[in-house]
Amino acid sequence: MNAPQVHVTIDRLVLRGVSGDRRDALVAALTAGLRQRLAAPGASQALGASRRRAALAAAPSRAPSGSAASLGQAFAGALAAGLCERAP
């Protein structure tokens, strides 16, 4: 059986307060973190039936302090958790 394909498109990523020199590292860590989490065993089952989500909204919050890589990983965890919630 082939593994299900997941396609995630982020049209807009707002990074207020993140300096330009950290932006690329944060986005790279976010991308790697999402890949890792969505490829993990059980992730495809958690996503449920095929569906599209027009938007994934989260309450505004302060980013944890740390390196760009740790921020990207934290954001990836939050996004993956939001994607794996059952759609209303």
C-alpha atoms as a PDB file:
ATOM      1  CA  MET A   1       0.000   0.000   0.000  1.00  0.00           C
ATOM      2  CA  ASN A   2       1.315   3.420  -0.912  1.00  0.00           C
ATOM      3  CA  ALA A   3       1.652   6.044   1.759  1.00  0.00           C
ATOM      4  CA  PRO A   4      -0.921   8.827   1.457  1.00  0.00           C
ATOM      5  CA  GLN A   5       0.324  12.080   0.026  1.00  0.00           C
ATOM      6  CA  VAL A   6      -0.035  15.261   2.022  1.00  0.00           C
ATOM      7  CA  HIS A   7       0.321  18.620   0.327  1.00  0.00           C
ATOM      8  CA  VAL A   8       0.546  21.686   2.543  1.00  0.00           C
ATOM      9  CA  THR A   9       0.598  25.171   1.056  1.00  0.00           C
ATOM     10  CA  ILE A  10       1.273  28.158   3.256  1.00  0.00           C
ATOM     11  CA  ASP A  11       0.281  31.245   1.308  1.00  0.00           C
ATOM     12  CA  ARG A  12       1.189  33.716   3.999  1.00  0.00           C
ATOM     13  CA  LEU A  13       3.500  33.432   6.963  1.00  0.00           C
ATOM     14  CA  VAL A  14       3.675  36.500   9.173  1.00  0.00           C
ATOM     15  CA  LEU A  15       6.800  36.692  11.321  1.00  0.00           C
ATOM     16  CA  ARG A  16       6.565  39.882  13.333  1.00  0.00           C
ATOM     17  CA  GLY A  17       9.593  40.599  15.438  1.00  0.00           C
ATOM     18  CA  VAL A  18      11.810  38.065  13.664  1.00  0.00           C
ATOM     19  CA  SER A  19      14.922  39.630  12.251  1.00  0.00           C
ATOM     20  CA  GLY A  20      15.706  39.072   8.588  1.00  0.00           C
ATOM     21  CA  ASP A  21      18.846  37.090   9.336  1.00  0.00           C
ATOM     22  CA  ARG A  22      16.801  34.551  11.352  1.00  0.00           C
ATOM     23  CA  ARG A  23      13.885  34.319   8.947  1.00  0.00           C
ATOM     24  CA  ASP A  24      15.400  31.781   6.525  1.00  0.00           C
ATOM     25  CA  ALA A  25      16.555  29.497   9.347  1.00  0.00           C
ATOM     26  CA  LEU A  26      13.128  29.654  10.976  1.00  0.00           C
ATOM     27  CA  VAL A  27      11.331  28.805   7.734  1.00  0.00           C
ATOM     28  CA  ALA A  28      13.762  25.927   7.059  1.00  0.00           C
ATOM     29  CA  ALA A  29      13.149  24.519  10.552  1.00  0.00           C
ATOM     30  CA  LEU A  30       9.391  24.955  10.143  1.00  0.00           C
ATOM     31  CA  THR A  31       9.471  23.064   6.836  1.00  0.00           C
ATOM     32  CA  ALA A  32      11.637  20.264   8.233  1.00  0.00           C
ATOM     33  CA  GLY A  33       9.493  20.009  11.363  1.00  0.00           C
ATOM     34  CA  LEU A  34       6.256  19.725   9.385  1.00  0.00           C
ATOM     35  CA  ARG A  35       7.796  17.090   7.111  1.00  0.00           C
ATOM     36  CA  GLN A  36       8.922  15.085  10.114  1.00  0.00           C
ATOM     37  CA  ARG A  37       5.622  15.304  11.967  1.00  0.00           C
ATOM     38  CA  LEU A  38       3.401  14.599   8.960  1.00  0.00           C
ATOM     39  CA  ALA A  39       5.550  11.613   7.920  1.00  0.00           C
ATOM     40  CA  ALA A  40       5.427  10.084  11.411  1.00  0.00           C
ATOM     41  CA  PRO A  41       3.551   6.811  11.904  1.00  0.00           C
ATOM     42  CA  GLY A  42      -0.116   7.512  12.546  1.00  0.00           C
ATOM     43  CA  ALA A  43      -0.086  11.049  11.137  1.00  0.00           C
ATOM     44  CA  SER A  44      -2.069  10.118   8.023  1.00  0.00           C
ATOM     45  CA  GLN A  45      -4.747   8.466  10.168  1.00  0.00           C
ATOM     46  CA  ALA A  46      -4.882  11.559  12.381  1.00  0.00           C
ATOM     47  CA  LEU A  47      -5.475  13.717   9.316  1.00  0.00           C
ATOM     48  CA  GLY A  48      -8.597  11.691   8.560  1.00  0.00           C
ATOM     49  CA  ALA A  49     -10.422  11.656   5.258  1.00  0.00           C
ATOM     50  CA  SER A  50      -9.248  13.739   2.351  1.00  0.00           C
ATOM     51  CA  ARG A  51     -10.170  17.344   2.919  1.00  0.00           C
ATOM     52  CA  ARG A  52      -9.074  20.878   2.364  1.00  0.00           C
ATOM     53  CA  ARG A  53      -8.754  23.557   4.958  1.00  0.00           C
ATOM     54  CA  ALA A  54      -9.066  27.097   3.710  1.00  0.00           C
ATOM     55  CA  ALA A  55      -7.322  28.428   6.777  1.00  0.00           C
ATOM     56  CA  LEU A  56      -5.803  27.244   9.985  1.00  0.00           C
ATOM     57  CA  ALA A  57      -6.183  29.894  12.630  1.00  0.00           C
ATOM     58  CA  ALA A  58      -4.526  29.922  15.986  1.00  0.00           C
ATOM     59  CA  ALA A  59      -4.860  32.363  18.808  1.00  0.00           C
ATOM     60  CA  PRO A  60      -2.147  35.005  18.701  1.00  0.00           C
ATOM     61  CA  SER A  61       0.613  34.178  21.104  1.00  0.00           C
ATOM     62  CA  ARG A  62       4.134  35.122  21.950  1.00  0.00           C
ATOM     63  CA  ALA A  63       6.746  32.936  20.357  1.00  0.00           C
ATOM     64  CA  PRO A  64       8.989  31.051  22.733  1.00  0.00           C
ATOM     65  CA  SER A  65      12.441  32.497  23.051  1.00  0.00           C
ATOM     66  CA  GLY A  66      15.311  30.602  21.533  1.00  0.00           C
ATOM     67  CA  SER A  67      17.060  29.970  18.287  1.00  0.00           C
ATOM     68  CA  ALA A  68      15.372  30.280  14.922  1.00  0.00           C
ATOM     69  CA  ALA A  69      15.524  26.494  14.640  1.00  0.00           C
ATOM     70  CA  SER A  70      13.722  25.979  17.955  1.00  0.00           C
ATOM     71  CA  LEU A  71      11.077  28.538  16.972  1.00  0.00           C
ATOM     72  CA  GLY A  72      10.531  26.793  13.634  1.00  0.00           C
ATOM     73  CA  GLN A  73      10.163  23.435  15.366  1.00  0.00           C
ATOM     74  CA  ALA A  74       7.692  24.904  17.880  1.00  0.00           C
ATOM     75  CA  PHE A  75       5.609  26.417  15.080  1.00  0.00           C
ATOM     76  CA  ALA A  76       5.712  23.117  13.157  1.00  0.00           C
ATOM     77  CA  GLY A  77       4.353  21.306  16.196  1.00  0.00           C
ATOM     78  CA  ALA A  78       1.500  23.782  16.563  1.00  0.00           C
ATOM     79  CA  LEU A  79       0.625  23.630  12.849  1.00  0.00           C
ATOM     80  CA  ALA A  80       0.734  19.829  12.738  1.00  0.00           C
ATOM     81  CA  ALA A  81      -1.510  19.654  15.806  1.00  0.00           C
ATOM     82  CA  GLY A  82      -3.981  22.013  14.125  1.00  0.00           C
ATOM     83  CA  LEU A  83      -3.954  19.995  10.909  1.00  0.00           C
ATOM     84  CA  CYS A  84      -4.586  16.745  12.758  1.00  0.00           C
ATOM     85  CA  GLU A  85      -7.625  18.076  14.618  1.00  0.00           C
ATOM     86  CA  ARG A  86     -10.897  16.911  13.206  1.00  0.00           C
ATOM     87  CA  ALA A  87     -12.434  19.481  10.887  1.00  0.00           C
ATOM     88  CA  PRO A  88     -15.781  20.840  12.099  1.00  0.00           C
END
